[in-house]
Protein backbone atom coordinates (compact mmCIF):
# COMPACT_ATOMS: atom_id res chain seq x y z
CA UNK A 1 -94.18 92.55 -128.54
CA UNK A 2 -95.49 89.18 -128.71
CA UNK A 3 -99.40 87.94 -128.10
CA UNK A 4 -99.61 86.09 -124.71
CA UNK A 5 -102.26 84.01 -126.02
CA UNK A 6 -103.46 81.73 -122.99
CA UNK A 7 -103.82 85.67 -121.30
CA UNK A 8 -105.48 87.00 -124.43
CA UNK A 9 -108.37 84.00 -124.81
CA UNK A 10 -108.47 83.08 -121.41
CA UNK A 11 -106.32 79.36 -122.48
CA UNK A 12 -104.49 77.62 -119.56
CA UNK A 13 -100.87 77.38 -119.69
CA UNK A 14 -102.11 73.16 -118.70
CA UNK A 15 -104.64 72.25 -121.02
CA UNK A 16 -103.64 69.81 -123.99
CA UNK A 17 -103.74 70.39 -127.43
CA UNK A 18 -106.95 68.77 -128.18
CA UNK A 19 -108.37 71.24 -124.93
CA UNK A 20 -106.91 73.94 -126.83
CA UNK A 21 -108.51 72.67 -129.90
CA UNK A 22 -111.54 72.78 -128.75
CA UNK A 23 -111.48 76.00 -126.89
CA UNK A 24 -110.49 77.62 -130.07
CA UNK A 25 -113.54 75.89 -132.54
CA UNK A 26 -116.16 76.92 -128.95
CA UNK A 27 -114.48 80.78 -129.56
CA UNK A 28 -114.80 80.90 -133.82
CA UNK A 29 -118.57 79.55 -133.78
CA UNK A 30 -119.28 82.22 -131.04
CA UNK A 31 -117.33 85.50 -132.29
CA UNK A 32 -118.74 84.66 -136.03
CA UNK A 33 -121.77 84.59 -135.27
CA UNK A 34 -121.38 88.22 -133.02
CA UNK A 35 -119.65 88.91 -136.56
CA UNK A 36 -122.97 88.60 -138.87
CA UNK A 37 -124.63 90.66 -136.15
CA UNK A 38 -122.40 93.72 -136.08
CA UNK A 39 -119.53 93.81 -133.17
CA UNK A 40 -117.38 96.19 -133.22
CA UNK A 41 -114.79 93.46 -131.61
CA UNK A 42 -115.28 90.86 -133.92
CA UNK A 43 -113.44 90.78 -136.14
CA UNK A 44 -110.97 91.71 -134.53
CA UNK A 45 -111.20 88.08 -132.69
CA UNK A 46 -111.57 85.81 -134.80
CA UNK A 47 -108.30 87.62 -136.61
CA UNK A 48 -106.46 86.82 -132.73
CA UNK A 49 -108.62 82.95 -132.87
CA UNK A 50 -107.04 82.40 -136.81
CA UNK A 51 -103.18 83.70 -135.14
CA UNK A 52 -103.81 81.08 -132.24
CA UNK A 53 -104.61 78.12 -134.22
CA UNK A 54 -101.61 78.34 -135.96
CA UNK A 55 -99.60 78.64 -132.83
CA UNK A 56 -101.68 75.68 -130.82
CA UNK A 57 -101.36 73.44 -134.48
CA UNK A 58 -98.80 70.90 -133.28
CA UNK A 59 -97.01 70.19 -129.83
CA UNK A 60 -94.09 71.53 -132.28
CA UNK A 61 -95.71 74.96 -132.83
CA UNK A 62 -96.97 75.74 -129.53
CA UNK A 63 -93.63 74.51 -127.84
CA UNK A 64 -91.29 76.77 -129.46
CA UNK A 65 -94.22 79.72 -129.20
CA UNK A 66 -93.80 78.98 -125.48
CA UNK A 67 -90.20 79.36 -125.36
CA UNK A 68 -90.41 82.83 -127.27
CA UNK A 69 -93.55 83.75 -124.46
CA UNK A 70 -91.15 82.82 -121.68
CA UNK A 71 -88.00 84.72 -123.26
CA UNK A 72 -90.34 87.77 -123.90
CA UNK A 73 -90.76 87.88 -120.33
CA UNK A 74 -93.81 86.95 -119.61
CA UNK A 75 -95.76 87.14 -116.28
CA UNK A 76 -97.71 84.35 -115.13
CA UNK A 77 -100.94 85.04 -115.80
CA UNK A 78 -103.22 86.14 -112.06
CA UNK A 79 -105.99 84.30 -111.27
CA UNK A 80 -109.24 85.37 -112.01
CA UNK A 81 -112.03 85.53 -109.56
CA UNK A 82 -114.42 85.86 -112.60
CA UNK A 83 -112.77 82.61 -115.08
CA UNK A 84 -115.21 79.87 -113.80
CA UNK A 85 -118.43 81.78 -114.35
CA UNK A 86 -117.28 82.71 -117.79
CA UNK A 87 -115.70 79.41 -118.89
CA UNK A 88 -119.38 78.46 -117.86
CA UNK A 89 -121.04 80.90 -119.90
CA UNK A 90 -118.78 80.12 -123.14
CA UNK A 91 -119.83 76.55 -122.68
CA UNK A 92 -123.23 76.67 -122.38
CA UNK A 93 -123.73 79.36 -125.06
CA UNK A 94 -121.63 77.02 -127.41
CA UNK A 95 -123.72 74.47 -126.58
CA UNK A 96 -126.45 76.40 -127.45
CA UNK A 97 -124.84 77.67 -130.68
CA UNK A 98 -124.73 74.53 -131.33
CA UNK A 99 -127.38 72.84 -131.48
CA UNK A 100 -129.44 75.75 -132.81
CA UNK A 101 -127.52 74.75 -135.73
CA UNK A 102 -128.47 70.99 -136.37
CA UNK A 103 -132.21 72.93 -135.50
CA UNK A 104 -132.61 71.26 -131.88
CA UNK A 105 -134.67 74.30 -130.04
CA UNK A 106 -135.73 73.07 -127.47
CA UNK A 107 -132.26 71.79 -126.42
CA UNK A 108 -130.59 75.13 -127.48
CA UNK A 109 -133.32 76.39 -125.13
CA UNK A 110 -131.76 74.58 -122.11
CA UNK A 111 -128.59 75.62 -123.40
CA UNK A 112 -129.56 79.08 -123.89
CA UNK A 113 -131.29 79.22 -120.33
CA UNK A 114 -128.22 77.73 -118.44
CA UNK A 115 -125.61 80.55 -120.27
CA UNK A 116 -127.71 83.11 -119.20
CA UNK A 117 -127.52 81.88 -115.68
CA UNK A 118 -123.80 82.71 -115.42
CA UNK A 119 -124.46 86.46 -116.99
CA UNK A 120 -124.06 89.50 -115.11
CA UNK A 121 -125.25 92.52 -114.67
CA UNK A 122 -122.17 94.27 -116.24
CA UNK A 123 -122.00 92.32 -118.93
CA UNK A 124 -123.87 94.55 -122.05
CA UNK A 125 -123.19 91.78 -125.15
CA UNK A 126 -126.08 92.93 -126.81
CA UNK A 127 -125.78 89.45 -129.07
CA UNK A 128 -126.32 87.29 -126.13
CA UNK A 129 -130.61 88.22 -125.55
CA UNK A 130 -130.04 88.46 -130.39
CA UNK A 131 -129.16 85.01 -129.99
CA UNK A 132 -131.97 84.28 -126.09
CA UNK A 133 -134.86 86.14 -128.22
CA UNK A 134 -134.17 83.74 -132.22
CA UNK A 135 -134.31 80.56 -129.97
CA UNK A 136 -137.49 81.13 -127.36
CA UNK A 137 -138.85 82.80 -130.91
CA UNK A 138 -138.55 79.02 -132.91
CA UNK A 139 -139.27 77.65 -129.58
CA UNK A 140 -143.21 79.65 -130.37
CA UNK A 141 -142.44 81.05 -127.32
CA UNK A 142 -143.34 85.04 -128.35
CA UNK A 143 -143.67 87.09 -125.41
CA UNK A 144 -140.38 85.78 -123.83
CA UNK A 145 -138.21 86.01 -127.25
CA UNK A 146 -140.10 89.57 -127.70
CA UNK A 147 -139.10 90.21 -123.60
CA UNK A 148 -135.47 89.22 -124.45
CA UNK A 149 -135.00 91.16 -127.86
CA UNK A 150 -136.41 93.74 -125.63
CA UNK A 151 -133.30 94.08 -123.57
CA UNK A 152 -130.94 93.28 -126.50
CA UNK A 153 -132.07 97.51 -128.44
CA UNK A 154 -131.55 98.71 -125.26
CA UNK A 155 -128.14 97.03 -125.12
CA UNK A 156 -126.91 97.76 -128.80
CA UNK A 157 -129.48 100.24 -129.79
CA UNK A 158 -127.65 100.23 -132.97
CA UNK A 159 -127.58 96.37 -134.34
CA UNK A 160 -129.40 95.73 -137.09
CA UNK A 161 -130.03 92.29 -136.26
CA UNK A 162 -131.97 93.06 -133.07
CA UNK A 163 -135.27 95.01 -134.88
CA UNK A 164 -134.83 92.39 -137.72
CA UNK A 165 -135.04 89.29 -135.22
CA UNK A 166 -137.97 91.72 -133.22
CA UNK A 167 -139.88 92.15 -136.61
CA UNK A 168 -139.29 88.08 -137.25
CA UNK A 169 -141.36 87.69 -133.28
CA UNK A 170 -143.68 90.50 -134.68
CA UNK A 171 -144.95 89.09 -137.28
CA UNK A 172 -145.71 85.93 -135.50
CA UNK A 173 -147.35 87.70 -133.37
CA UNK A 174 -149.36 89.63 -135.06
CA UNK A 175 -149.72 92.85 -132.84
CA UNK A 176 -148.28 91.26 -130.15
CA UNK A 177 -151.94 90.04 -129.35
CA UNK A 178 -153.03 86.94 -131.61
CA UNK A 179 -151.43 84.52 -134.69
CA UNK A 180 -154.21 85.97 -137.32
CA UNK A 181 -151.70 86.25 -140.44
CA UNK A 182 -154.36 88.44 -142.22
CA UNK A 183 -154.11 91.66 -140.27
CA UNK A 184 -150.46 92.04 -140.73
CA UNK A 185 -149.52 94.89 -142.77
CA UNK A 186 -145.90 95.98 -144.24
CA UNK A 187 -146.95 99.83 -143.08
CA UNK A 188 -147.52 97.77 -139.25
CA UNK A 189 -143.62 97.00 -139.02
CA UNK A 190 -141.92 98.60 -141.90
CA UNK A 191 -140.29 101.08 -139.07
CA UNK A 192 -138.76 98.40 -137.68
CA UNK A 193 -136.92 97.43 -141.55
CA UNK A 194 -136.19 101.29 -142.15
CA UNK A 195 -134.14 101.48 -138.47
CA UNK A 196 -132.44 97.68 -139.61
CA UNK A 197 -131.27 99.19 -143.03
CA UNK A 198 -130.40 102.31 -142.08
CA UNK A 199 -128.15 100.93 -138.93
CA UNK A 200 -126.52 98.29 -141.86
CA UNK A 201 -125.65 101.03 -144.15
CA UNK A 202 -124.27 103.44 -141.15
CA UNK A 203 -121.92 100.43 -140.96
CA UNK A 204 -121.01 99.44 -144.82
CA UNK A 205 -122.63 96.14 -143.83
CA UNK A 206 -123.75 94.47 -147.21
CA UNK A 207 -124.43 91.47 -145.79
CA UNK A 208 -126.83 92.98 -143.26
CA UNK A 209 -128.35 95.69 -145.81
CA UNK A 210 -128.77 92.52 -148.47
CA UNK A 211 -130.77 90.44 -145.91
CA UNK A 212 -132.64 92.82 -144.61
CA UNK A 213 -133.44 94.21 -148.64
CA UNK A 214 -134.95 90.31 -148.65
CA UNK A 215 -137.31 91.12 -145.80
CA UNK A 216 -138.50 94.11 -147.43
CA UNK A 217 -139.74 91.92 -150.66
CA UNK A 218 -141.07 89.03 -148.20
CA UNK A 219 -142.91 91.28 -146.21
CA UNK A 220 -144.22 93.23 -149.36
CA UNK A 221 -144.98 89.76 -151.87
CA UNK A 222 -146.35 87.64 -148.76
CA UNK A 223 -148.56 90.17 -145.49
CA UNK A 224 -151.60 92.29 -146.77
CA UNK A 225 -151.77 94.80 -149.16
CA UNK A 226 -148.94 92.35 -151.24
CA UNK A 227 -147.52 94.72 -153.57
CA UNK A 228 -145.59 92.62 -156.50
CA UNK A 229 -143.47 94.79 -158.21
CA UNK A 230 -141.47 97.03 -155.50
CA UNK A 231 -141.94 93.32 -154.19
CA UNK A 232 -138.87 92.39 -157.32
CA UNK A 233 -137.62 95.02 -156.71
CA UNK A 234 -136.48 95.47 -153.06
CA UNK A 235 -135.42 91.06 -154.60
CA UNK A 236 -133.26 92.59 -156.78
CA UNK A 237 -131.88 95.05 -154.54
CA UNK A 238 -130.78 92.55 -152.06
CA UNK A 239 -129.46 90.31 -153.92
CA UNK A 240 -126.66 92.75 -155.07
CA UNK A 241 -126.28 93.09 -151.06
CA UNK A 242 -126.24 89.60 -150.45
CA UNK A 243 -126.63 86.79 -153.08
CA UNK A 244 -127.29 84.22 -151.45
CA UNK A 245 -130.35 86.36 -149.69
CA UNK A 246 -133.33 83.35 -148.90
CA UNK A 247 -136.13 86.16 -148.70
CA UNK A 248 -134.53 87.87 -151.89
CA UNK A 249 -134.77 84.08 -153.64
CA UNK A 250 -138.09 82.59 -151.88
CA UNK A 251 -139.38 85.72 -153.78
CA UNK A 252 -138.55 85.66 -156.89
CA UNK A 253 -139.02 81.61 -157.10
CA UNK A 254 -142.36 81.95 -155.58
CA UNK A 255 -143.39 84.11 -158.46
CA UNK A 256 -141.54 82.22 -160.89
CA UNK A 257 -143.69 79.22 -159.79
CA UNK A 258 -146.63 81.30 -159.62
CA UNK A 259 -146.35 82.49 -163.64
CA UNK A 260 -145.67 79.58 -164.50
CA UNK A 261 -148.83 77.78 -162.89
CA UNK A 262 -150.91 80.31 -164.45
CA UNK A 263 -149.03 79.98 -167.77
CA UNK A 264 -150.26 76.31 -167.61
CA UNK A 265 -153.96 77.27 -166.48
CA UNK A 266 -153.85 79.44 -169.19
CA UNK A 267 -152.58 77.08 -171.40
CA UNK A 268 -154.58 74.48 -170.11
CA UNK A 269 -158.00 76.60 -170.41
CA UNK A 270 -156.79 77.31 -173.87
CA UNK A 271 -156.15 73.52 -174.98
CA UNK A 272 -160.09 73.31 -173.28
CA UNK A 273 -161.91 76.06 -174.79
CA UNK A 274 -160.06 74.73 -177.96
CA UNK A 275 -161.70 71.26 -177.07
CA UNK A 276 -164.60 72.32 -177.01
CA UNK A 277 -164.13 74.55 -179.95
CA UNK A 278 -163.30 71.94 -181.94
CA UNK A 279 -165.99 69.45 -180.26
CA UNK A 280 -168.81 72.15 -180.96
CA UNK A 281 -167.58 73.09 -185.05
CA UNK A 282 -167.50 68.87 -185.54
CA UNK A 283 -171.56 68.19 -183.75
CA UNK A 284 -172.33 71.15 -186.17
CA UNK A 285 -171.14 69.19 -188.95
CA UNK A 286 -172.30 66.91 -187.57
CA UNK A 287 -175.62 68.19 -187.81
CA UNK A 288 -175.13 69.66 -191.17
CA UNK A 289 -174.63 66.92 -192.24
CA UNK A 290 -177.32 64.17 -190.94
CA UNK A 291 -179.10 67.77 -192.08
CA UNK A 292 -177.98 67.41 -195.75
CA UNK A 293 -178.79 64.07 -195.43
CA UNK A 294 -182.42 63.91 -194.22
CA UNK A 295 -183.02 67.29 -196.69
CA UNK A 296 -182.18 64.55 -199.04
CA UNK A 297 -184.50 61.72 -197.75
CA UNK A 298 -186.31 63.68 -197.93
CA UNK A 299 -186.05 64.95 -201.42
CA UNK A 300 -185.45 61.14 -202.74
CA UNK A 301 -188.84 60.17 -200.85
CA UNK A 302 -190.80 63.22 -203.02
CA UNK A 303 -189.49 61.99 -205.52
CA UNK A 304 -190.85 58.28 -204.98
CA UNK A 305 -193.65 59.76 -204.09
CA UNK A 306 -194.64 61.60 -207.59
CA UNK A 307 -193.16 58.99 -209.94
CA UNK A 308 -195.62 57.61 -207.41
CA UNK A 309 -197.96 59.73 -207.56
CA UNK A 310 -197.26 60.12 -212.03
CA UNK A 311 -197.24 55.82 -212.07
CA UNK A 312 -200.53 55.32 -210.18
CA UNK A 313 -202.37 58.24 -213.27
CA UNK A 314 -200.25 56.75 -215.81
CA UNK A 315 -201.95 53.33 -214.47
CA UNK A 316 -204.98 54.69 -214.18
CA UNK A 317 -205.87 55.99 -217.51
CA UNK A 318 -204.57 52.71 -218.65
CA UNK A 319 -207.13 51.08 -217.08
CA UNK A 320 -209.82 53.10 -218.07
CA UNK A 321 -208.89 52.75 -221.44
CA UNK A 322 -208.44 49.19 -221.19
CA UNK A 323 -211.98 49.03 -218.39
CA UNK A 324 -213.33 50.86 -221.96
CA UNK A 325 -212.83 48.04 -223.91
CA UNK A 326 -213.69 46.01 -222.18
CA UNK A 327 -216.84 47.66 -220.75
CA UNK A 328 -217.56 47.31 -225.20
CA UNK A 329 -216.28 44.05 -225.62
CA UNK A 330 -218.81 42.56 -222.93
CA UNK A 331 -221.90 45.12 -224.14
CA UNK A 332 -221.17 43.18 -227.86
CA UNK A 333 -221.64 40.38 -225.32
CA UNK A 334 -224.47 41.10 -224.48
CA UNK A 335 -226.31 42.01 -227.96
CA UNK A 336 -225.15 38.14 -228.30
CA UNK A 337 -226.78 36.52 -225.89
CA UNK A 338 -229.49 38.75 -227.12
CA UNK A 339 -229.46 37.24 -230.25
CA UNK A 340 -229.16 33.76 -229.38
CA UNK A 341 -231.41 33.61 -226.87
CA UNK A 342 -233.81 35.18 -229.57
CA UNK A 343 -232.34 32.79 -232.39
CA UNK A 344 -233.60 30.55 -229.61
CA UNK A 345 -236.94 31.34 -229.14
CA UNK A 346 -236.86 31.60 -232.74
CA UNK A 347 -236.09 27.58 -233.73
CA UNK A 348 -238.44 26.56 -231.17
CA UNK A 349 -241.69 28.27 -231.95
CA UNK A 350 -240.93 30.56 -234.75
CA UNK A 351 -239.20 28.22 -237.76
CA UNK A 352 -243.36 26.55 -238.37
CA UNK A 353 -244.46 29.20 -239.71
CA UNK A 354 -242.34 30.54 -242.44
CA UNK A 355 -239.79 32.79 -241.06
CA UNK A 356 -236.74 32.39 -242.78
CA UNK A 357 -233.96 30.73 -240.66
CA UNK A 358 -230.40 30.98 -242.99
CA UNK A 359 -230.17 34.83 -241.44
CA UNK A 360 -231.11 34.14 -237.97
CA UNK A 361 -228.02 31.57 -237.95
CA UNK A 362 -225.23 33.48 -239.21
CA UNK A 363 -226.59 35.52 -236.23
CA UNK A 364 -225.49 33.03 -233.84
CA UNK A 365 -222.91 32.87 -235.28
CA UNK A 366 -221.57 36.01 -234.99
CA UNK A 367 -222.10 36.80 -231.75
CA UNK A 368 -220.65 33.44 -230.74
CA UNK A 369 -217.22 34.92 -232.37
CA UNK A 370 -218.39 37.97 -230.56
CA UNK A 371 -218.74 36.08 -226.82
CA UNK A 372 -214.72 34.61 -227.67
CA UNK A 373 -213.79 37.84 -228.30
CA UNK A 374 -215.05 39.38 -224.66
CA UNK A 375 -213.49 35.54 -223.39
CA UNK A 376 -210.46 36.62 -224.81
CA UNK A 377 -210.08 40.27 -223.44
CA UNK A 378 -210.60 38.89 -220.29
CA UNK A 379 -207.27 36.09 -220.58
CA UNK A 380 -205.32 38.59 -222.74
CA UNK A 381 -205.62 40.43 -219.06
CA UNK A 382 -204.99 37.30 -217.00
CA UNK A 383 -207.58 38.12 -215.23
CA UNK A 384 -205.99 41.77 -213.47
CA UNK A 385 -207.24 44.56 -215.14
CA UNK A 386 -210.75 44.40 -216.70
CA UNK A 387 -213.51 41.14 -215.21
CA UNK A 388 -214.48 37.88 -216.82
CA UNK A 389 -218.27 38.12 -217.47
CA UNK A 390 -219.61 35.30 -216.22
CA UNK A 391 -223.07 36.03 -218.10
CA UNK A 392 -220.74 36.74 -221.22
CA UNK A 393 -219.43 33.60 -221.25
CA UNK A 394 -222.37 31.28 -220.58
CA UNK A 395 -224.28 32.52 -222.31
CA UNK A 396 -221.45 32.24 -225.17
CA UNK A 397 -222.14 28.05 -223.95
CA UNK A 398 -225.91 28.43 -224.92
CA UNK A 399 -225.72 30.25 -227.96
CA UNK A 400 -223.21 27.79 -228.61
CA UNK A 401 -225.22 24.50 -228.42
CA UNK A 402 -227.63 26.01 -229.11
CA UNK A 403 -226.87 27.29 -232.84
CA UNK A 404 -225.22 23.77 -233.31
CA UNK A 405 -228.30 21.81 -231.86
CA UNK A 406 -230.43 24.14 -234.83
CA UNK A 407 -227.45 22.73 -237.69
CA UNK A 408 -227.71 19.73 -237.02
CA UNK A 409 -231.86 19.05 -236.80
CA UNK A 410 -233.20 15.50 -237.89
CA UNK A 411 -235.15 15.66 -241.75
CA UNK A 412 -237.98 14.17 -239.32
CA UNK A 413 -237.09 16.93 -236.77
CA UNK A 414 -238.07 19.66 -239.10
CA UNK A 415 -241.49 18.22 -240.27
CA UNK A 416 -239.58 16.74 -243.18
CA UNK A 417 -239.94 19.68 -244.45
CA UNK A 418 -236.70 19.62 -247.43
CA UNK A 419 -236.42 22.96 -248.58
CA UNK A 420 -235.46 23.64 -244.81
CA UNK A 421 -233.02 21.02 -244.40
CA UNK A 422 -231.39 21.48 -246.92
CA UNK A 423 -231.24 25.77 -245.48
CA UNK A 424 -229.98 23.77 -242.78
CA UNK A 425 -227.21 21.55 -244.25
CA UNK A 426 -226.37 25.09 -245.29
CA UNK A 427 -225.52 27.02 -242.48
CA UNK A 428 -224.31 23.55 -240.42
CA UNK A 429 -221.08 24.01 -243.52
CA UNK A 430 -220.87 27.61 -242.91
CA UNK A 431 -221.57 27.03 -239.13
CA UNK A 432 -218.16 25.73 -239.46
CA UNK A 433 -216.73 27.98 -241.48
CA UNK A 434 -217.77 30.66 -238.25
CA UNK A 435 -216.60 28.90 -235.47
CA UNK A 436 -213.01 27.74 -237.18
CA UNK A 437 -212.63 32.17 -238.42
CA UNK A 438 -214.37 32.62 -234.95
CA UNK A 439 -210.97 30.51 -233.09
CA UNK A 440 -208.46 32.17 -235.04
CA UNK A 441 -210.12 35.80 -234.33
CA UNK A 442 -210.26 35.12 -230.55
CA UNK A 443 -206.59 33.81 -230.06
CA UNK A 444 -204.92 37.26 -233.21
CA UNK A 445 -207.73 39.34 -230.15
CA UNK A 446 -206.22 37.53 -227.09
CA UNK A 447 -201.76 37.73 -228.91
CA UNK A 448 -202.56 41.96 -229.64
CA UNK A 449 -204.74 42.59 -225.96
CA UNK A 450 -201.25 40.92 -224.54
CA UNK A 451 -198.75 42.64 -225.98
CA UNK A 452 -201.11 46.03 -226.10
CA UNK A 453 -201.37 45.66 -221.84
CA UNK A 454 -197.14 44.93 -222.44
CA UNK A 455 -195.91 47.98 -223.88
CA UNK A 456 -198.81 50.63 -221.54
CA UNK A 457 -197.20 49.29 -218.46
CA UNK A 458 -194.00 49.52 -219.35
């Protein structure tokens, strides 16, 4: 028996082909939404719409169908008094769905309000109220949304989507009093999800089962009283029934993101700790190196101080020896100076009283020699070690002058004493020889003292 698509789909026979296509598109959108909520008639209506789409695909196919319909003796459709109201309802309900699909929620709210104006008490389709509740929820009017979803549950208590929508409304309301999500727990909302899951399993609606399990995963992960293990289990189970479930994917993606962030944080923390340890090791190495350098410098300083102390001690010993030698030499020089004075006194006061002259002359020459040696000691020390004795030097000059005068006096100055004059000439000769010897001894003494001092101070 041929089906009268005009009658079944409420399409006027006078409608153009474009008008028919538009009507079919709105009806398909309407019944697909109803199919997702588990409407029992939805599947049949979608099949009927697909058949009608093929019948009214072209003018030729429509003409052929019209001839077959007429040949079957189909009677013209009687006038339906509710046709205009139903048409207006279908129009605004389709508009609301279109606005909802394009996320124009304020326009969807206006359209669904107009659609509800054409609804009567005899209409018992809960899908309209589910759609209205969803649109009002997306417009943040949770009180009105709650009223609409309760109407839907009263009309069809077995529709899983009514409970899922009510779950979302309660999540926003948080017990229906405020918007503090910190008080929202899975335990308070679990009954709604359990009812939705039970109804979906009774109807064997795998898509809705997966969606509900996704809601469970989302609740266990994001709500207060978090249980990550349960959330992961529900998410994997949801994807088995509904591979495209948003909530399940969102939970798993968020867990993966958190794991990556934790790994990055731990990696950064390890790198920071390694950097700190490296800095500490470098600082300790630098400190040890500086400590070793300080110890080496201290040890070097101590060795240098010990060396300087030893050198000072050695120099002090040398200086003591030189000082002792110089003192002895100068003592002898003082003795010679005294001898020179004695000689002068003898010459001036005792020469005419028969006191022998020659021995005292030689003593003077010896005194001159020692004085030369004393001066050579001072010169050999380069005036740095020991000291120049001005008295010794003056005595030497004084004795030399007196000895020279004593040995060069004329005969008349000696009182005309032939023996004294003869002795004087012998003393003068000896004196000249003694002076030459004293000069040689002084020079040799100077060279020896220079050599000894240089060896001692190396």
